[in-house]
Amino acid sequence: MDRSVRRNVRTAALAATLALVPAPLCGQDWPVHSPDRPRPPVVDPGPAGPPASVPRDAIVLFDGRDLSAWQKEGGGAPGWRVADAYVEV
């Protein structure tokens, strides 16, 4: 085998091996699939029963009635139409 071909094969083999090693995410201290990663907070779903309830710690963006939690880019109320529990953009 030619010397440059062997070098290319070794480089490709090294790159393939390194691709299999889980590296930490940018700015993170743990590998991607590490069981030591911090867990997300547990959400309290609130009481069960109809009508479906919203978790106590949820931020409701649309309740089917108004867009008070929304604003246009740059500020101000969005000019979208709300009717029959949906938004028409």
PDB file of N, CA and C in Angstrom:
ATOM      1  N   MET A   1       0.833  -1.169   0.000  1.00  0.00           N
ATOM      2  CA  MET A   1       0.000   0.000   0.000  1.00  0.00           C
ATOM      3  C   MET A   1       0.884   1.242   0.000  1.00  0.00           C
ATOM      4  N   ASP A   2       0.472   2.233  -0.723  1.00  0.00           N
ATOM      5  CA  ASP A   2       1.175   3.499  -0.795  1.00  0.00           C
ATOM      6  C   ASP A   2       1.148   4.182   0.579  1.00  0.00           C
ATOM      7  N   ARG A   3       2.216   4.924   0.896  1.00  0.00           N
ATOM      8  CA  ARG A   3       2.329   5.577   2.206  1.00  0.00           C
ATOM      9  C   ARG A   3       1.170   6.554   2.460  1.00  0.00           C
ATOM     10  N   SER A   4       0.795   7.347   1.458  1.00  0.00           N
ATOM     11  CA  SER A   4      -0.296   8.312   1.649  1.00  0.00           C
ATOM     12  C   SER A   4      -1.636   7.592   1.832  1.00  0.00           C
ATOM     13  N   VAL A   5      -1.819   6.459   1.183  1.00  0.00           N
ATOM     14  CA  VAL A   5      -3.063   5.690   1.345  1.00  0.00           C
ATOM     15  C   VAL A   5      -3.139   5.152   2.770  1.00  0.00           C
ATOM     16  N   ARG A   6      -2.006   4.621   3.282  1.00  0.00           N
ATOM     17  CA  ARG A   6      -1.999   4.108   4.665  1.00  0.00           C
ATOM     18  C   ARG A   6      -2.298   5.231   5.653  1.00  0.00           C
ATOM     19  N   ARG A   7      -1.719   6.407   5.419  1.00  0.00           N
ATOM     20  CA  ARG A   7      -1.965   7.544   6.311  1.00  0.00           C
ATOM     21  C   ARG A   7      -3.445   7.930   6.278  1.00  0.00           C
ATOM     22  N   ASN A   8      -4.053   7.938   5.097  1.00  0.00           N
ATOM     23  CA  ASN A   8      -5.465   8.270   4.972  1.00  0.00           C
ATOM     24  C   ASN A   8      -6.348   7.227   5.661  1.00  0.00           C
ATOM     25  N   VAL A   9      -5.972   5.964   5.553  1.00  0.00           N
ATOM     26  CA  VAL A   9      -6.739   4.897   6.209  1.00  0.00           C
ATOM     27  C   VAL A   9      -6.636   5.045   7.721  1.00  0.00           C
ATOM     28  N   ARG A  10      -5.410   5.309   8.236  1.00  0.00           N
ATOM     29  CA  ARG A  10      -5.243   5.496   9.686  1.00  0.00           C
ATOM     30  C   ARG A  10      -6.025   6.713  10.172  1.00  0.00           C
ATOM     31  N   THR A  11      -6.002   7.799   9.410  1.00  0.00           N
ATOM     32  CA  THR A  11      -6.739   9.004   9.794  1.00  0.00           C
ATOM     33  C   THR A  11      -8.236   8.730   9.817  1.00  0.00           C
ATOM     34  N   ALA A  12      -8.736   8.020   8.822  1.00  0.00           N
ATOM     35  CA  ALA A  12     -10.161   7.693   8.778  1.00  0.00           C
ATOM     36  C   ALA A  12     -10.542   6.779   9.930  1.00  0.00           C
ATOM     37  N   ALA A  13      -9.683   5.812  10.266  1.00  0.00           N
ATOM     38  CA  ALA A  13      -9.961   4.906  11.379  1.00  0.00           C
ATOM     39  C   ALA A  13      -9.976   5.668  12.699  1.00  0.00           C
ATOM     40  N   LEU A  14      -9.061   6.593  12.881  1.00  0.00           N
ATOM     41  CA  LEU A  14      -9.022   7.392  14.095  1.00  0.00           C
ATOM     42  C   LEU A  14     -10.272   8.270  14.196  1.00  0.00           C
ATOM     43  N   ALA A  15     -10.662   8.901  13.080  1.00  0.00           N
ATOM     44  CA  ALA A  15     -11.855   9.752  13.084  1.00  0.00           C
ATOM     45  C   ALA A  15     -13.103   8.936  13.409  1.00  0.00           C
ATOM     46  N   ALA A  16     -13.204   7.727  12.860  1.00  0.00           N
ATOM     47  CA  ALA A  16     -14.365   6.870  13.138  1.00  0.00           C
ATOM     48  C   ALA A  16     -14.395   6.447  14.599  1.00  0.00           C
ATOM     49  N   THR A  17     -13.232   6.156  15.170  1.00  0.00           N
ATOM     50  CA  THR A  17     -13.164   5.770  16.576  1.00  0.00           C
ATOM     51  C   THR A  17     -13.549   6.931  17.474  1.00  0.00           C
ATOM     52  N   LEU A  18     -13.057   8.116  17.189  1.00  0.00           N
ATOM     53  CA  LEU A  18     -13.379   9.286  18.001  1.00  0.00           C
ATOM     54  C   LEU A  18     -14.855   9.658  17.899  1.00  0.00           C
ATOM     55  N   ALA A  19     -15.466   9.376  16.758  1.00  0.00           N
ATOM     56  CA  ALA A  19     -16.891   9.678  16.598  1.00  0.00           C
ATOM     57  C   ALA A  19     -17.744   8.803  17.511  1.00  0.00           C
ATOM     58  N   LEU A  20     -17.238   7.633  17.905  1.00  0.00           N
ATOM     59  CA  LEU A  20     -17.988   6.725  18.769  1.00  0.00           C
ATOM     60  C   LEU A  20     -17.849   7.063  20.248  1.00  0.00           C
ATOM     61  N   VAL A  21     -16.856   7.868  20.596  1.00  0.00           N
ATOM     62  CA  VAL A  21     -16.636   8.235  21.998  1.00  0.00           C
ATOM     63  C   VAL A  21     -17.538   9.412  22.340  1.00  0.00           C
ATOM     64  N   PRO A  22     -18.438   9.251  23.333  1.00  0.00           N
ATOM     65  CA  PRO A  22     -19.318  10.367  23.671  1.00  0.00           C
ATOM     66  C   PRO A  22     -18.533  11.529  24.257  1.00  0.00           C
ATOM     67  N   ALA A  23     -18.587  12.647  23.598  1.00  0.00           N
ATOM     68  CA  ALA A  23     -17.885  13.840  24.061  1.00  0.00           C
ATOM     69  C   ALA A  23     -18.859  14.724  24.827  1.00  0.00           C
ATOM     70  N   PRO A  24     -18.360  15.504  25.782  1.00  0.00           N
ATOM     71  CA  PRO A  24     -19.252  16.429  26.487  1.00  0.00           C
ATOM     72  C   PRO A  24     -19.843  17.451  25.525  1.00  0.00           C
ATOM     73  N   LEU A  25     -21.059  17.871  25.813  1.00  0.00           N
ATOM     74  CA  LEU A  25     -21.683  18.931  25.026  1.00  0.00           C
ATOM     75  C   LEU A  25     -20.954  20.232  25.298  1.00  0.00           C
ATOM     76  N   CYS A  26     -21.126  21.197  24.442  1.00  0.00           N
ATOM     77  CA  CYS A  26     -20.471  22.495  24.621  1.00  0.00           C
ATOM     78  C   CYS A  26     -20.794  23.065  25.988  1.00  0.00           C
ATOM     79  N   GLY A  27     -19.785  23.325  26.774  1.00  0.00           N
ATOM     80  CA  GLY A  27     -19.972  23.928  28.079  1.00  0.00           C
ATOM     81  C   GLY A  27     -20.523  22.992  29.140  1.00  0.00           C
ATOM     82  N   GLN A  28     -20.631  21.699  28.858  1.00  0.00           N
ATOM     83  CA  GLN A  28     -21.176  20.739  29.826  1.00  0.00           C
ATOM     84  C   GLN A  28     -20.045  19.903  30.410  1.00  0.00           C
ATOM     85  N   ASP A  29     -20.286  19.351  31.581  1.00  0.00           N
ATOM     86  CA  ASP A  29     -19.260  18.574  32.265  1.00  0.00           C
ATOM     87  C   ASP A  29     -19.476  17.072  32.160  1.00  0.00           C
ATOM     88  N   TRP A  30     -20.449  16.624  31.380  1.00  0.00           N
ATOM     89  CA  TRP A  30     -20.742  15.201  31.316  1.00  0.00           C
ATOM     90  C   TRP A  30     -20.927  14.794  29.857  1.00  0.00           C
ATOM     91  N   PRO A  31     -20.639  13.534  29.537  1.00  0.00           N
ATOM     92  CA  PRO A  31     -20.874  13.040  28.182  1.00  0.00           C
ATOM     93  C   PRO A  31     -22.371  13.001  27.870  1.00  0.00           C
ATOM     94  N   VAL A  32     -22.691  12.877  26.605  1.00  0.00           N
ATOM     95  CA  VAL A  32     -24.060  12.955  26.122  1.00  0.00           C
ATOM     96  C   VAL A  32     -25.000  11.981  26.824  1.00  0.00           C
ATOM     97  N   HIS A  33     -24.646  10.722  26.947  1.00  0.00           N
ATOM     98  CA  HIS A  33     -25.545   9.717  27.511  1.00  0.00           C
ATOM     99  C   HIS A  33     -25.160   9.314  28.937  1.00  0.00           C
ATOM    100  N   SER A  34     -24.464  10.156  29.627  1.00  0.00           N
ATOM    101  CA  SER A  34     -24.008   9.834  30.972  1.00  0.00           C
ATOM    102  C   SER A  34     -25.175   9.767  31.951  1.00  0.00           C
ATOM    103  N   PRO A  35     -25.220   8.711  32.791  1.00  0.00           N
ATOM    104  CA  PRO A  35     -26.272   8.641  33.807  1.00  0.00           C
ATOM    105  C   PRO A  35     -26.056   9.662  34.918  1.00  0.00           C
ATOM    106  N   ASP A  36     -24.909  10.318  34.938  1.00  0.00           N
ATOM    107  CA  ASP A  36     -24.621  11.322  35.962  1.00  0.00           C
ATOM    108  C   ASP A  36     -25.156  12.710  35.593  1.00  0.00           C
ATOM    109  N   ARG A  37     -25.732  12.840  34.386  1.00  0.00           N
ATOM    110  CA  ARG A  37     -26.294  14.133  33.978  1.00  0.00           C
ATOM    111  C   ARG A  37     -27.394  14.540  34.940  1.00  0.00           C
ATOM    112  N   PRO A  38     -27.556  15.815  35.220  1.00  0.00           N
ATOM    113  CA  PRO A  38     -28.641  16.252  36.097  1.00  0.00           C
ATOM    114  C   PRO A  38     -29.995  15.958  35.465  1.00  0.00           C
ATOM    115  N   ARG A  39     -30.947  15.620  36.292  1.00  0.00           N
ATOM    116  CA  ARG A  39     -32.293  15.316  35.829  1.00  0.00           C
ATOM    117  C   ARG A  39     -33.129  16.596  35.783  1.00  0.00           C
ATOM    118  N   PRO A  40     -34.083  16.673  34.851  1.00  0.00           N
ATOM    119  CA  PRO A  40     -34.956  17.849  34.832  1.00  0.00           C
ATOM    120  C   PRO A  40     -35.854  17.860  36.057  1.00  0.00           C
ATOM    121  N   PRO A  41     -36.355  19.026  36.428  1.00  0.00           N
ATOM    122  CA  PRO A  41     -37.212  19.087  37.611  1.00  0.00           C
ATOM    123  C   PRO A  41     -38.513  18.314  37.389  1.00  0.00           C
ATOM    124  N   VAL A  42     -39.050  17.770  38.460  1.00  0.00           N
ATOM    125  CA  VAL A  42     -40.307  17.035  38.403  1.00  0.00           C
ATOM    126  C   VAL A  42     -41.448  18.047  38.369  1.00  0.00           C
ATOM    127  N   VAL A  43     -42.392  17.852  37.462  1.00  0.00           N
ATOM    128  CA  VAL A  43     -43.535  18.746  37.323  1.00  0.00           C
ATOM    129  C   VAL A  43     -44.693  18.204  38.140  1.00  0.00           C
ATOM    130  N   ASP A  44     -45.300  19.061  38.932  1.00  0.00           N
ATOM    131  CA  ASP A  44     -46.492  18.685  39.689  1.00  0.00           C
ATOM    132  C   ASP A  44     -47.686  18.843  38.759  1.00  0.00           C
ATOM    133  N   PRO A  45     -48.336  17.753  38.349  1.00  0.00           N
ATOM    134  CA  PRO A  45     -49.416  17.857  37.381  1.00  0.00           C
ATOM    135  C   PRO A  45     -50.699  18.465  37.927  1.00  0.00           C
ATOM    136  N   GLY A  46     -50.794  18.653  39.227  1.00  0.00           N
ATOM    137  CA  GLY A  46     -52.009  19.219  39.796  1.00  0.00           C
ATOM    138  C   GLY A  46     -53.104  18.167  39.896  1.00  0.00           C
ATOM    139  N   PRO A  47     -54.289  18.580  40.302  1.00  0.00           N
ATOM    140  CA  PRO A  47     -55.364  17.611  40.472  1.00  0.00           C
ATOM    141  C   PRO A  47     -55.848  17.047  39.137  1.00  0.00           C
ATOM    142  N   ALA A  48     -56.292  15.808  39.169  1.00  0.00           N
ATOM    143  CA  ALA A  48     -56.794  15.150  37.963  1.00  0.00           C
ATOM    144  C   ALA A  48     -58.289  15.387  37.835  1.00  0.00           C
ATOM    145  N   GLY A  49     -58.796  15.145  36.682  1.00  0.00           N
ATOM    146  CA  GLY A  49     -60.231  15.212  36.468  1.00  0.00           C
ATOM    147  C   GLY A  49     -60.608  16.212  35.414  1.00  0.00           C
ATOM    148  N   PRO A  50     -61.800  16.022  34.845  1.00  0.00           N
ATOM    149  CA  PRO A  50     -62.241  16.944  33.808  1.00  0.00           C
ATOM    150  C   PRO A  50     -62.655  18.274  34.412  1.00  0.00           C
ATOM    151  N   PRO A  51     -62.504  19.374  33.759  1.00  0.00           N
ATOM    152  CA  PRO A  51     -61.726  19.483  32.533  1.00  0.00           C
ATOM    153  C   PRO A  51     -60.249  19.286  32.819  1.00  0.00           C
ATOM    154  N   ALA A  52     -59.490  18.970  31.781  1.00  0.00           N
ATOM    155  CA  ALA A  52     -58.064  18.717  31.963  1.00  0.00           C
ATOM    156  C   ALA A  52     -57.427  19.907  32.655  1.00  0.00           C
ATOM    157  N   SER A  53     -56.674  19.632  33.696  1.00  0.00           N
ATOM    158  CA  SER A  53     -56.052  20.713  34.447  1.00  0.00           C
ATOM    159  C   SER A  53     -54.637  20.973  33.946  1.00  0.00           C
ATOM    160  N   VAL A  54     -54.150  22.150  34.225  1.00  0.00           N
ATOM    161  CA  VAL A  54     -52.812  22.567  33.818  1.00  0.00           C
ATOM    162  C   VAL A  54     -51.888  22.376  35.016  1.00  0.00           C
ATOM    163  N   PRO A  55     -50.668  21.875  34.812  1.00  0.00           N
ATOM    164  CA  PRO A  55     -49.743  21.756  35.936  1.00  0.00           C
ATOM    165  C   PRO A  55     -49.576  23.094  36.647  1.00  0.00           C
ATOM    166  N   ARG A  56     -49.414  23.038  37.957  1.00  0.00           N
ATOM    167  CA  ARG A  56     -49.338  24.257  38.767  1.00  0.00           C
ATOM    168  C   ARG A  56     -48.179  25.162  38.372  1.00  0.00           C
ATOM    169  N   ASP A  57     -47.078  24.578  37.898  1.00  0.00           N
ATOM    170  CA  ASP A  57     -45.915  25.387  37.564  1.00  0.00           C
ATOM    171  C   ASP A  57     -45.813  25.685  36.064  1.00  0.00           C
ATOM    172  N   ALA A  58     -46.891  25.446  35.315  1.00  0.00           N
ATOM    173  CA  ALA A  58     -46.875  25.691  33.869  1.00  0.00           C
ATOM    174  C   ALA A  58     -47.116  27.165  33.562  1.00  0.00           C
ATOM    175  N   ILE A  59     -46.581  27.597  32.441  1.00  0.00           N
ATOM    176  CA  ILE A  59     -46.856  28.932  31.918  1.00  0.00           C
ATOM    177  C   ILE A  59     -47.816  28.738  30.751  1.00  0.00           C
ATOM    178  N   VAL A  60     -49.045  29.175  30.890  1.00  0.00           N
ATOM    179  CA  VAL A  60     -50.061  28.987  29.858  1.00  0.00           C
ATOM    180  C   VAL A  60     -49.898  30.086  28.808  1.00  0.00           C
ATOM    181  N   LEU A  61     -49.562  29.678  27.589  1.00  0.00           N
ATOM    182  CA  LEU A  61     -49.373  30.644  26.514  1.00  0.00           C
ATOM    183  C   LEU A  61     -50.672  30.921  25.768  1.00  0.00           C
ATOM    184  N   PHE A  62     -51.546  29.948  25.680  1.00  0.00           N
ATOM    185  CA  PHE A  62     -52.829  30.145  25.010  1.00  0.00           C
ATOM    186  C   PHE A  62     -53.873  29.304  25.704  1.00  0.00           C
ATOM    187  N   ASP A  63     -54.897  29.952  26.227  1.00  0.00           N
ATOM    188  CA  ASP A  63     -55.953  29.238  26.941  1.00  0.00           C
ATOM    189  C   ASP A  63     -57.213  29.075  26.107  1.00  0.00           C
ATOM    190  N   GLY A  64     -57.162  29.424  24.838  1.00  0.00           N
ATOM    191  CA  GLY A  64     -58.306  29.309  23.962  1.00  0.00           C
ATOM    192  C   GLY A  64     -59.166  30.558  23.925  1.00  0.00           C
ATOM    193  N   ARG A  65     -58.836  31.564  24.752  1.00  0.00           N
ATOM    194  CA  ARG A  65     -59.666  32.770  24.813  1.00  0.00           C
ATOM    195  C   ARG A  65     -58.941  34.037  24.354  1.00  0.00           C
ATOM    196  N   ASP A  66     -57.672  34.197  24.747  1.00  0.00           N
ATOM    197  CA  ASP A  66     -56.984  35.436  24.395  1.00  0.00           C
ATOM    198  C   ASP A  66     -55.489  35.193  24.205  1.00  0.00           C
ATOM    199  N   LEU A  67     -54.812  36.224  23.728  1.00  0.00           N
ATOM    200  CA  LEU A  67     -53.369  36.156  23.465  1.00  0.00           C
ATOM    201  C   LEU A  67     -52.604  37.063  24.408  1.00  0.00           C
ATOM    202  N   SER A  68     -53.059  37.166  25.650  1.00  0.00           N
ATOM    203  CA  SER A  68     -52.429  38.075  26.605  1.00  0.00           C
ATOM    204  C   SER A  68     -50.987  37.681  26.934  1.00  0.00           C
ATOM    205  N   ALA A  69     -50.597  36.432  26.709  1.00  0.00           N
ATOM    206  CA  ALA A  69     -49.225  35.992  26.987  1.00  0.00           C
ATOM    207  C   ALA A  69     -48.316  36.173  25.771  1.00  0.00           C
ATOM    208  N   TRP A  70     -48.834  36.728  24.687  1.00  0.00           N
ATOM    209  CA  TRP A  70     -48.086  36.874  23.447  1.00  0.00           C
ATOM    210  C   TRP A  70     -47.831  38.344  23.142  1.00  0.00           C
ATOM    211  N   GLN A  71     -46.767  38.582  22.363  1.00  0.00           N
ATOM    212  CA  GLN A  71     -46.505  39.914  21.836  1.00  0.00           C
ATOM    213  C   GLN A  71     -45.801  39.791  20.493  1.00  0.00           C
ATOM    214  N   LYS A  72     -45.937  40.825  19.681  1.00  0.00           N
ATOM    215  CA  LYS A  72     -45.263  40.843  18.382  1.00  0.00           C
ATOM    216  C   LYS A  72     -43.774  41.032  18.592  1.00  0.00           C
ATOM    217  N   GLU A  73     -42.991  40.665  17.578  1.00  0.00           N
ATOM    218  CA  GLU A  73     -41.569  40.957  17.617  1.00  0.00           C
ATOM    219  C   GLU A  73     -41.411  42.473  17.682  1.00  0.00           C
ATOM    220  N   GLY A  74     -40.667  42.932  18.643  1.00  0.00           N
ATOM    221  CA  GLY A  74     -40.505  44.360  18.839  1.00  0.00           C
ATOM    222  C   GLY A  74     -41.501  44.941  19.834  1.00  0.00           C
ATOM    223  N   GLY A  75     -42.441  44.112  20.331  1.00  0.00           N
ATOM    224  CA  GLY A  75     -43.402  44.560  21.338  1.00  0.00           C
ATOM    225  C   GLY A  75     -44.779  44.813  20.760  1.00  0.00           C
ATOM    226  N   GLY A  76     -45.747  44.909  21.636  1.00  0.00           N
ATOM    227  CA  GLY A  76     -47.119  45.165  21.227  1.00  0.00           C
ATOM    228  C   GLY A  76     -47.922  43.885  21.085  1.00  0.00           C
ATOM    229  N   ALA A  77     -49.233  44.047  21.067  1.00  0.00           N
ATOM    230  CA  ALA A  77     -50.130  42.896  20.957  1.00  0.00           C
ATOM    231  C   ALA A  77     -50.100  42.336  19.536  1.00  0.00           C
ATOM    232  N   PRO A  78     -50.157  41.008  19.391  1.00  0.00           N
ATOM    233  CA  PRO A  78     -50.199  40.429  18.053  1.00  0.00           C
ATOM    234  C   PRO A  78     -51.540  40.729  17.394  1.00  0.00           C
ATOM    235  N   GLY A  79     -51.556  40.826  16.097  1.00  0.00           N
ATOM    236  CA  GLY A  79     -52.783  41.125  15.378  1.00  0.00           C
ATOM    237  C   GLY A  79     -53.503  39.885  14.894  1.00  0.00           C
ATOM    238  N   TRP A  80     -53.366  38.782  15.609  1.00  0.00           N
ATOM    239  CA  TRP A  80     -53.970  37.532  15.190  1.00  0.00           C
ATOM    240  C   TRP A  80     -55.412  37.461  15.659  1.00  0.00           C
ATOM    241  N   ARG A  81     -56.220  36.730  14.938  1.00  0.00           N
ATOM    242  CA  ARG A  81     -57.622  36.555  15.273  1.00  0.00           C
ATOM    243  C   ARG A  81     -57.784  35.331  16.163  1.00  0.00           C
ATOM    244  N   VAL A  82     -58.537  35.475  17.250  1.00  0.00           N
ATOM    245  CA  VAL A  82     -58.860  34.356  18.149  1.00  0.00           C
ATOM    246  C   VAL A  82     -60.342  34.082  18.013  1.00  0.00           C
ATOM    247  N   ALA A  83     -60.684  32.829  17.674  1.00  0.00           N
ATOM    248  CA  ALA A  83     -62.090  32.449  17.532  1.00  0.00           C
ATOM    249  C   ALA A  83     -62.238  30.954  17.775  1.00  0.00           C
ATOM    250  N   ASP A  84     -63.270  30.578  18.484  1.00  0.00           N
ATOM    251  CA  ASP A  84     -63.593  29.164  18.731  1.00  0.00           C
ATOM    252  C   ASP A  84     -62.397  28.373  19.253  1.00  0.00           C
ATOM    253  N   ALA A  85     -61.643  28.951  20.181  1.00  0.00           N
ATOM    254  CA  ALA A  85     -60.509  28.312  20.854  1.00  0.00           C
ATOM    255  C   ALA A  85     -59.341  28.003  19.930  1.00  0.00           C
ATOM    256  N   TYR A  86     -59.193  28.777  18.857  1.00  0.00           N
ATOM    257  CA  TYR A  86     -58.011  28.633  18.005  1.00  0.00           C
ATOM    258  C   TYR A  86     -57.520  30.009  17.616  1.00  0.00           C
ATOM    259  N   VAL A  87     -56.301  30.075  17.103  1.00  0.00           N
ATOM    260  CA  VAL A  87     -55.694  31.325  16.666  1.00  0.00           C
ATOM    261  C   VAL A  87     -55.508  31.250  15.154  1.00  0.00           C
ATOM    262  N   GLU A  88     -55.922  32.283  14.469  1.00  0.00           N
ATOM    263  CA  GLU A  88     -55.725  32.360  13.023  1.00  0.00           C
ATOM    264  C   GLU A  88     -54.655  33.393  12.753  1.00  0.00           C
ATOM    265  N   VAL A  89     -53.557  32.962  12.159  1.00  0.00           N
ATOM    266  CA  VAL A  89     -52.412  33.835  11.901  1.00  0.00           C
ATOM    267  C   VAL A  89     -52.430  34.258  10.451  1.00  0.00           C
TER     268      VAL A  89
END
